[in-house]
Amino acid sequence: MKLNSPFKGLPREVSVLTTISFLVAIGFGLIIPAIPIFARTFGVTNTLIGLIISSFAIMRFLSGLFSGKLVDRFGERLVLGSGLLMVSVFTLLAGLAQSYGQLLFFRTAGGLGSSMFSVSAGALLLRVVGDDQRGRAQSLYNGGFIAGGVAGPAFGGALLAISPRAPFFIYTALLIVAGTVSLIFLHEKRLGSASKSVVSDGPALTIREALKIRPYLYSLFLAFLGSWIFFGMRSSILPLYAIDDLGVSTAVVGLSFTLALVAQGAVMVRAGKYSDKNGRRPVILVGFAITLFSLILLTLSTNVTFYLISMLVLGLGAGFATSAGAIVGDVIKGKSGKVYAFWQMAGDAGMMVGPLLLGVVADLFTYRTAVLVSALVFSLAILIAIRIPETNSARLGDSAKPQLRED
C-alpha cells in the first residue's frame, strides 16, 4: 500500500524548511547539554553558567526587530542562509574558547545569526500556507527539529565523554550544510509559484496594530513562558540538576533529552492537524497543562527512573504546546517580518530571563528549588490559555477573524 507524503498538498517551501530545521537540530541537540558542562570547566558559578544561555537569547532579543527589517527589505531566503552561516562561524569560535569571557562573547554573537535564521524561516513558513494548513505545516517544520534533535542529545552525551568542545565543532559543520542548502534550494526559480500560494488580503500588520489583537497579545505571554521552560530551564539548570542532585551520568542526560524529543515528535503532527480542524485553543490548553504536570514531576523526582518519566511527559506537553505559534500566522495573514520578530522576541525574553533567575535561585538554594520556581511561574500559562480566543478562521469562518482590542 502506497503511503502518502506528510507534505502532500503543502507548498514546497515547507519540505525545504523542514530539511533545514532537521540539519540545524542535530547540532543544536548536541550542544544543549554541552553548554553548561563546558562553561563549568572554567570554574564559574551557576549564575554565570545561566548567563551563557541567556546571553544568546539577549542578542536574539536585541536583534529581533533588526532581523524583521532585514526580512522585509531583502526577503526571507537570503536572510535565512546568511544567518545560518553566521551562527556557524561563532559556534566554531565558541568551541575554541580559552576562557569564560571568550565563550560568553562568541556565544552571544551567534545570537544575531540565530535571530536572522529563525525570523526569516518562521515568517516564510507562516506566509505560504493558509489557516487550514498552518498547524500541520508548522508541526512538520518543528518535526524536523525533533527528528534531528532525537539523535543529537544521545550522541552529545557520548561526545561529552571525549571533550566538552566536540559538540560545538560538529554543530558548526551541520550549520554550514544547512546554510548551503537554504541558499541553493530555497530559491524562487527552484520553487516556482509555490511562494505565491497564499496572497494576503490586505497590507502587512504593523506591530502597533498586532498588539491591539487580543490573541496576538496573549501569544506573547505564552511565548515568554514556553521559552522559559522548553529552552531556558532545559538548557541551563536541568542538566546540572540531573547530574548533581539525582546522580545521573552525562550519557543519561543525553538520553533524557532524546526521550523528551521522541515524545514531542510522536504527538506534534497530530496535534497540528487537530488544531487546523478543531481550533488552536484546545490543543494549546492541553499542551500547557501537560507541561505543568511534568514540572511538578521533575520537582518530585528522586531517582533516574522518575526523572526519565518526567522528561517523557515534558516532551508530550511540548508536542501540543507548539500549536501556540500558529496563532501568529492566523493574525499576520501575509508577509510581516517585524510582527513575527516581535513575537519571537517575547520567546527570547523568556529564554533570557529564565536561566539568569534560575541560576541565582540555584546558587542561593538548590536546583530543585529552581525547578519548583519554574513550575510556579509556568502556572500562569494555564490561566492565559483558558482566556485566549480562537484564531483559526478555517474553523470559525471569516466572520470570526481576530478583531482589534477596544482601547
Protein backbone atom coordinates (compact mmCIF):
# COMPACT_ATOMS: atom_id res chain seq x y z
CA MET A 1 0.00 0.00 0.00
CA LYS A 2 1.37 3.36 -1.02
CA LEU A 3 1.84 5.84 1.81
CA ASN A 4 1.01 9.48 1.26
CA SER A 5 3.74 12.01 1.90
CA PRO A 6 3.13 14.16 5.02
CA PHE A 7 3.92 17.16 2.78
CA LYS A 8 1.17 16.34 0.26
CA GLY A 9 -0.81 19.44 -0.64
CA LEU A 10 1.62 21.81 1.08
CA PRO A 11 3.84 24.43 -0.62
CA ARG A 12 7.31 23.14 -1.42
CA GLU A 13 8.88 25.66 0.95
CA VAL A 14 7.57 23.56 3.83
CA SER A 15 9.62 20.49 2.88
CA VAL A 16 12.77 22.56 2.23
CA LEU A 17 12.46 24.40 5.54
CA THR A 18 11.82 21.12 7.35
CA THR A 19 15.03 19.67 5.89
CA ILE A 20 16.97 22.73 7.04
CA SER A 21 15.46 22.52 10.51
CA PHE A 22 16.46 18.85 10.67
CA LEU A 23 20.11 19.67 9.96
CA VAL A 24 20.17 22.54 12.44
CA ALA A 25 18.51 20.47 15.16
CA ILE A 26 21.05 17.66 15.06
CA GLY A 27 23.77 20.11 16.05
CA PHE A 28 21.61 22.08 18.45
CA GLY A 29 20.73 18.85 20.23
CA LEU A 30 24.45 18.17 20.62
CA ILE A 31 25.24 21.42 22.41
CA ILE A 32 22.16 21.77 24.65
CA PRO A 33 23.67 19.53 27.36
CA ALA A 34 27.21 20.60 26.45
CA ILE A 35 26.98 24.35 27.10
CA PRO A 36 26.52 24.30 30.90
CA ILE A 37 29.05 21.49 31.32
CA PHE A 38 31.63 23.24 29.11
CA ALA A 39 31.07 26.55 30.91
CA ARG A 40 31.63 24.89 34.27
CA THR A 41 35.15 23.82 33.19
CA PHE A 42 36.12 27.48 33.62
CA GLY A 43 35.23 27.31 37.32
CA VAL A 44 32.31 29.76 37.25
CA THR A 45 29.12 29.92 39.31
CA ASN A 46 25.68 28.69 38.30
CA THR A 47 24.64 32.29 37.75
CA LEU A 48 27.41 32.79 35.18
CA ILE A 49 26.52 29.48 33.56
CA GLY A 50 22.96 30.76 33.23
CA LEU A 51 24.36 33.94 31.69
CA ILE A 52 25.89 31.89 28.87
CA ILE A 53 22.43 30.60 27.98
CA SER A 54 20.77 33.96 28.48
CA SER A 55 23.36 35.92 26.50
CA PHE A 56 22.43 34.07 23.32
CA ALA A 57 18.78 34.96 23.91
CA ILE A 58 19.71 38.54 24.82
CA MET A 59 21.33 39.04 21.43
CA ARG A 60 18.38 37.39 19.69
CA PHE A 61 16.07 39.68 21.62
CA LEU A 62 18.01 42.84 20.84
CA SER A 63 18.35 41.97 17.16
CA GLY A 64 14.81 40.67 16.63
CA LEU A 65 13.32 43.78 15.06
CA PHE A 66 16.50 44.32 13.05
CA SER A 67 16.13 40.80 11.64
CA GLY A 68 12.49 41.52 10.85
CA LYS A 69 13.52 44.64 8.92
CA LEU A 70 16.10 42.61 7.00
CA VAL A 71 13.40 40.11 6.05
CA ASP A 72 11.06 42.86 4.85
CA ARG A 73 13.92 44.51 2.94
CA PHE A 74 15.84 41.57 1.41
CA GLY A 75 13.42 38.65 1.67
CA GLU A 76 13.30 35.56 3.84
CA ARG A 77 15.57 33.35 1.70
CA LEU A 78 18.72 35.48 1.70
CA VAL A 79 18.40 36.40 5.37
CA LEU A 80 17.88 32.77 6.34
CA GLY A 81 21.02 31.46 4.62
CA SER A 82 23.19 34.33 5.80
CA GLY A 83 22.02 33.86 9.38
CA LEU A 84 22.88 30.17 9.41
CA LEU A 85 26.39 30.77 8.10
CA MET A 86 26.90 33.50 10.70
CA VAL A 87 25.92 31.15 13.55
CA SER A 88 28.34 28.53 12.23
CA VAL A 89 31.30 30.90 12.46
CA PHE A 90 30.59 31.96 16.03
CA THR A 91 29.82 28.40 17.14
CA LEU A 92 33.25 27.33 15.91
CA LEU A 93 34.89 30.20 17.79
CA ALA A 94 32.91 29.32 20.94
CA GLY A 95 34.21 25.76 20.76
CA LEU A 96 37.77 27.13 20.57
CA ALA A 97 37.26 29.48 23.55
CA GLN A 98 40.12 29.51 26.08
CA SER A 99 38.28 31.45 28.79
CA TYR A 100 34.80 32.07 30.10
CA GLY A 101 34.88 35.59 28.66
CA GLN A 102 35.60 34.29 25.16
CA LEU A 103 32.88 31.66 25.40
CA LEU A 104 30.40 34.30 26.55
CA PHE A 105 31.32 36.70 23.74
CA PHE A 106 31.20 34.20 20.89
CA ARG A 107 28.02 32.53 22.11
CA THR A 108 26.38 35.94 22.42
CA ALA A 109 27.47 37.00 18.93
CA GLY A 110 25.91 33.87 17.47
CA GLY A 111 22.53 35.10 18.66
CA LEU A 112 22.36 37.62 15.79
CA GLY A 113 22.65 34.91 13.15
CA SER A 114 20.15 32.75 15.02
CA SER A 115 17.69 35.64 15.07
CA MET A 116 18.08 36.13 11.32
CA PHE A 117 17.52 32.44 10.65
CA SER A 118 14.53 31.89 12.91
CA VAL A 119 12.69 35.11 11.99
CA SER A 120 13.09 34.54 8.26
CA ALA A 121 12.23 30.83 8.37
CA GLY A 122 9.22 31.37 10.62
CA ALA A 123 7.90 34.31 8.63
CA LEU A 124 8.23 32.41 5.34
CA LEU A 125 6.55 29.31 6.72
CA LEU A 126 3.58 31.22 8.10
CA ARG A 127 3.24 33.27 4.91
CA VAL A 128 2.99 30.47 2.36
CA VAL A 129 0.19 28.44 3.99
CA GLY A 130 -3.43 29.16 4.86
CA ASP A 131 -5.24 28.70 8.17
CA ASP A 132 -6.38 25.21 7.17
CA GLN A 133 -2.76 24.07 6.73
CA ARG A 134 -0.82 26.22 9.17
CA GLY A 135 -0.88 23.85 12.14
CA ARG A 136 0.24 20.89 10.02
CA ALA A 137 2.95 22.90 8.25
CA GLN A 138 4.33 24.25 11.50
CA SER A 139 4.23 20.80 13.08
CA LEU A 140 6.20 19.32 10.19
CA TYR A 141 8.72 22.16 10.38
CA ASN A 142 9.08 21.66 14.12
CA GLY A 143 9.14 17.94 13.45
CA GLY A 144 12.34 18.50 11.51
CA PHE A 145 13.86 19.91 14.67
CA ILE A 146 12.55 16.94 16.63
CA ALA A 147 13.86 14.32 14.20
CA GLY A 148 17.27 15.94 14.13
CA GLY A 149 17.25 16.52 17.85
CA VAL A 150 16.47 12.92 18.74
CA ALA A 151 19.94 11.73 17.78
CA GLY A 152 21.69 14.92 18.87
CA PRO A 153 21.44 14.67 22.67
CA ALA A 154 22.26 10.95 22.69
CA PHE A 155 25.40 11.47 20.64
CA GLY A 156 26.06 14.64 22.57
CA GLY A 157 26.39 12.65 25.77
CA ALA A 158 28.95 10.39 24.10
CA LEU A 159 30.86 13.36 22.67
CA LEU A 160 30.96 14.99 26.11
CA ALA A 161 32.81 11.95 27.38
CA ILE A 162 35.51 12.75 24.79
CA SER A 163 35.58 16.54 25.15
CA PRO A 164 33.06 19.27 26.07
CA ARG A 165 34.29 21.14 22.97
CA ALA A 166 33.47 18.38 20.46
CA PRO A 167 29.72 19.13 20.13
CA PHE A 168 30.50 22.71 19.06
CA PHE A 169 32.64 21.55 16.14
CA ILE A 170 30.03 19.07 14.87
CA TYR A 171 27.35 21.75 15.17
CA THR A 172 29.49 24.13 13.11
CA ALA A 173 29.72 21.66 10.24
CA LEU A 174 25.98 20.99 10.27
CA LEU A 175 25.18 24.71 10.22
CA ILE A 176 27.37 25.16 7.16
CA VAL A 177 25.50 22.37 5.38
CA ALA A 178 22.12 23.84 6.38
CA GLY A 179 23.12 27.32 5.22
CA THR A 180 24.30 25.96 1.90
CA VAL A 181 21.06 24.03 1.40
CA SER A 182 19.00 27.14 2.08
CA LEU A 183 20.94 29.33 -0.34
CA ILE A 184 20.83 26.72 -3.13
CA PHE A 185 17.41 25.09 -2.82
CA LEU A 186 15.26 27.74 -1.13
CA HIS A 187 15.13 29.86 -4.24
CA GLU A 188 12.25 31.38 -6.22
CA LYS A 189 13.44 29.83 -9.50
CA ARG A 190 13.53 26.35 -7.97
CA LEU A 191 10.28 26.68 -6.05
CA GLY A 192 8.35 28.31 -8.85
CA SER A 193 4.99 29.76 -7.90
CA ALA A 194 4.74 27.94 -4.59
CA SER A 195 5.71 31.04 -2.69
CA LYS A 196 2.66 32.78 -4.13
CA SER A 197 0.23 30.12 -2.96
CA VAL A 198 -1.20 32.40 -0.34
CA VAL A 199 -1.94 36.02 -1.07
CA SER A 200 -2.57 38.47 1.71
CA ASP A 201 -5.97 40.12 1.58
CA GLY A 202 -4.52 43.39 2.84
CA PRO A 203 -1.34 45.19 3.85
CA ALA A 204 1.01 43.64 6.38
CA LEU A 205 0.22 44.39 10.01
CA THR A 206 2.36 46.78 11.98
CA ILE A 207 3.46 45.88 15.49
CA ARG A 208 1.15 48.52 16.93
CA GLU A 209 -1.82 47.05 15.07
CA ALA A 210 -0.90 43.49 16.08
CA LEU A 211 -0.72 44.45 19.77
CA LYS A 212 -4.36 45.53 19.56
CA ILE A 213 -5.41 41.99 18.65
CA ARG A 214 -6.04 40.05 21.86
CA PRO A 215 -4.93 36.59 20.65
CA TYR A 216 -1.61 38.01 19.46
CA LEU A 217 -1.12 39.87 22.73
CA TYR A 218 -1.79 36.70 24.72
CA SER A 219 0.52 34.73 22.42
CA LEU A 220 3.40 36.96 23.51
CA PHE A 221 2.96 35.83 27.11
CA LEU A 222 2.68 32.19 26.06
CA ALA A 223 5.88 32.53 24.02
CA PHE A 224 7.68 34.02 27.02
CA LEU A 225 6.57 31.29 29.43
CA GLY A 226 7.07 28.47 26.94
CA SER A 227 10.63 29.55 26.13
CA TRP A 228 11.38 29.88 29.85
CA ILE A 229 10.73 26.14 30.20
CA PHE A 230 11.48 24.50 26.86
CA PHE A 231 14.70 26.44 26.18
CA GLY A 232 15.75 28.40 29.27
CA MET A 233 15.32 25.91 32.09
CA ARG A 234 16.02 22.87 29.92
CA SER A 235 19.29 24.28 28.59
CA SER A 236 20.68 25.72 31.83
CA ILE A 237 19.90 24.14 35.20
CA LEU A 238 18.13 20.94 34.13
CA PRO A 239 21.28 19.02 33.08
CA LEU A 240 23.04 20.15 36.27
CA TYR A 241 20.01 19.22 38.39
CA ALA A 242 20.03 15.73 36.91
CA ILE A 243 23.78 15.27 37.38
CA ASP A 244 24.32 16.86 40.80
CA ASP A 245 21.02 16.22 42.60
CA LEU A 246 19.87 12.97 41.01
CA GLY A 247 23.29 11.48 40.34
CA VAL A 248 22.81 10.59 36.68
CA SER A 249 25.61 10.44 34.12
CA THR A 250 26.08 12.79 31.17
CA ALA A 251 25.04 9.94 28.86
CA VAL A 252 21.74 9.58 30.73
CA VAL A 253 21.20 13.34 30.47
CA GLY A 254 21.53 13.00 26.71
CA LEU A 255 19.14 10.03 26.76
CA SER A 256 16.56 12.00 28.75
CA PHE A 257 16.61 14.81 26.20
CA THR A 258 16.20 12.24 23.43
CA LEU A 259 13.19 10.67 25.17
CA ALA A 260 11.58 14.10 25.51
CA LEU A 261 12.09 14.83 21.84
CA VAL A 262 10.74 11.42 20.77
CA ALA A 263 7.61 12.02 22.83
CA GLN A 264 7.25 15.51 21.39
CA GLY A 265 7.63 14.30 17.82
CA ALA A 266 5.17 11.45 18.37
CA VAL A 267 2.25 13.80 19.04
CA MET A 268 3.21 17.05 17.33
CA VAL A 269 1.97 16.45 13.78
CA ARG A 270 -1.30 15.00 15.03
CA ALA A 271 -1.71 17.99 17.34
CA GLY A 272 -1.10 20.34 14.42
CA LYS A 273 -3.72 18.62 12.28
CA TYR A 274 -6.18 18.74 15.15
CA SER A 275 -5.61 22.46 15.64
CA ASP A 276 -6.25 23.05 11.90
CA LYS A 277 -9.55 21.18 12.13
CA ASN A 278 -10.82 21.97 15.62
CA GLY A 279 -9.02 25.16 16.60
CA ARG A 280 -5.81 26.27 18.34
CA ARG A 281 -7.20 26.87 21.83
CA PRO A 282 -7.97 23.29 22.98
CA VAL A 283 -4.60 21.99 21.77
CA ILE A 284 -2.72 24.81 23.48
CA LEU A 285 -4.56 24.24 26.75
CA VAL A 286 -3.80 20.51 26.73
CA GLY A 287 -0.13 21.13 25.93
CA PHE A 288 0.46 23.66 28.66
CA ALA A 289 -1.44 21.56 31.24
CA ILE A 290 0.74 18.51 30.48
CA THR A 291 3.87 20.67 30.66
CA LEU A 292 2.92 21.98 34.09
CA PHE A 293 2.34 18.41 35.25
CA SER A 294 5.80 17.42 34.00
CA LEU A 295 7.40 20.24 36.00
CA ILE A 296 5.66 19.00 39.13
CA LEU A 297 7.01 15.51 38.42
CA LEU A 298 10.52 16.89 37.93
CA THR A 299 10.32 18.69 41.25
CA LEU A 300 9.33 15.45 42.98
CA SER A 301 11.93 13.29 41.19
CA THR A 302 14.23 11.31 43.48
CA ASN A 303 15.86 8.82 41.11
CA VAL A 304 16.80 8.24 37.49
CA THR A 305 13.59 6.40 36.56
CA PHE A 306 11.37 9.17 37.96
CA TYR A 307 13.48 11.75 36.13
CA LEU A 308 13.20 9.95 32.78
CA ILE A 309 9.42 9.65 33.14
CA SER A 310 9.22 13.37 33.91
CA MET A 311 11.20 14.22 30.79
CA LEU A 312 8.95 11.97 28.70
CA VAL A 313 5.89 13.86 29.96
CA LEU A 314 7.65 17.18 29.30
CA GLY A 315 8.11 16.13 25.68
CA LEU A 316 4.42 15.27 25.32
CA GLY A 317 3.48 18.69 26.65
CA ALA A 318 5.85 20.40 24.22
CA GLY A 319 4.32 18.47 21.32
CA PHE A 320 0.91 20.02 21.95
CA ALA A 321 2.19 23.42 23.07
CA THR A 322 3.91 24.14 19.75
CA SER A 323 0.49 24.84 18.22
CA ALA A 324 0.60 28.19 20.01
CA GLY A 325 2.89 29.51 17.27
CA ALA A 326 0.15 29.09 14.66
CA ILE A 327 -1.74 31.95 16.31
CA VAL A 328 0.80 34.41 14.91
CA GLY A 329 0.26 33.17 11.36
CA ASP A 330 -3.51 33.37 11.82
CA VAL A 331 -3.10 37.02 12.80
CA ILE A 332 -0.48 38.11 10.25
CA LYS A 333 -2.39 36.90 7.16
CA GLY A 334 0.56 37.66 4.91
CA LYS A 335 4.11 38.99 4.98
CA SER A 336 5.09 40.83 8.15
CA GLY A 337 8.60 40.09 9.30
CA LYS A 338 8.56 42.64 12.12
CA VAL A 339 5.36 41.33 13.72
CA TYR A 340 6.71 37.78 13.67
CA ALA A 341 10.06 39.04 15.00
CA PHE A 342 8.33 40.78 17.91
CA TRP A 343 6.62 37.51 18.85
CA GLN A 344 9.96 35.74 18.69
CA MET A 345 11.45 38.43 20.91
CA ALA A 346 8.88 37.55 23.57
CA GLY A 347 10.15 33.99 23.46
CA ASP A 348 13.74 35.16 23.58
CA ALA A 349 12.89 37.21 26.66
CA GLY A 350 11.80 34.01 28.41
CA MET A 351 14.99 32.26 27.39
CA MET A 352 16.93 35.32 28.57
CA VAL A 353 15.29 35.87 31.95
CA GLY A 354 14.75 32.22 32.87
CA PRO A 355 18.35 30.94 33.02
CA LEU A 356 19.60 34.03 34.86
CA LEU A 357 16.89 33.92 37.52
CA LEU A 358 17.10 30.16 37.88
CA GLY A 359 20.87 30.34 38.19
CA VAL A 360 20.53 32.80 41.06
CA VAL A 361 17.92 30.59 42.75
CA ALA A 362 20.16 27.53 42.35
CA ASP A 363 23.14 29.39 43.86
CA LEU A 364 21.10 30.65 46.82
CA PHE A 365 19.06 27.48 47.38
CA THR A 366 19.06 24.26 45.29
CA TYR A 367 18.45 23.10 41.73
CA ARG A 368 15.21 21.51 42.88
CA THR A 369 14.04 24.88 44.18
CA ALA A 370 14.80 26.41 40.79
CA VAL A 371 12.64 23.78 39.06
CA LEU A 372 9.84 24.48 41.55
CA VAL A 373 10.08 28.21 40.78
CA SER A 374 9.71 27.37 37.08
CA ALA A 375 6.56 25.36 37.80
CA LEU A 376 5.05 28.23 39.78
CA VAL A 377 5.82 30.77 37.05
CA PHE A 378 4.55 28.47 34.29
CA SER A 379 1.21 28.02 36.05
CA LEU A 380 0.36 31.48 34.70
CA ALA A 381 0.34 29.98 31.20
CA ILE A 382 -2.69 27.86 32.09
CA LEU A 383 -4.67 30.95 33.02
CA ILE A 384 -3.73 32.62 29.72
CA ALA A 385 -4.51 29.50 27.67
CA ILE A 386 -8.01 29.40 29.20
CA ARG A 387 -8.68 33.01 28.18
CA ILE A 388 -7.12 33.11 24.72
CA PRO A 389 -9.69 33.47 21.90
CA GLU A 390 -9.76 31.14 18.91
CA THR A 391 -7.95 32.45 15.80
CA ASN A 392 -8.30 29.70 13.19
CA SER A 393 -10.67 31.22 10.61
CA ALA A 394 -10.78 27.88 8.80
CA ARG A 395 -12.52 26.59 11.90
CA LEU A 396 -14.58 29.66 12.83
CA GLY A 397 -15.19 31.26 9.44
CA ASP A 398 -14.12 34.67 8.18
CA SER A 399 -16.69 36.39 10.37
CA ALA A 400 -14.70 35.29 13.40
CA LYS A 401 -11.46 36.85 12.21
CA PRO A 402 -9.47 38.23 15.20
CA GLN A 403 -10.53 41.77 15.93
CA LEU A 404 -8.67 44.72 17.38
CA ARG A 405 -8.97 45.29 21.10
CA GLU A 406 -11.12 48.14 22.21
CA ASP A 407 -8.94 50.83 23.74
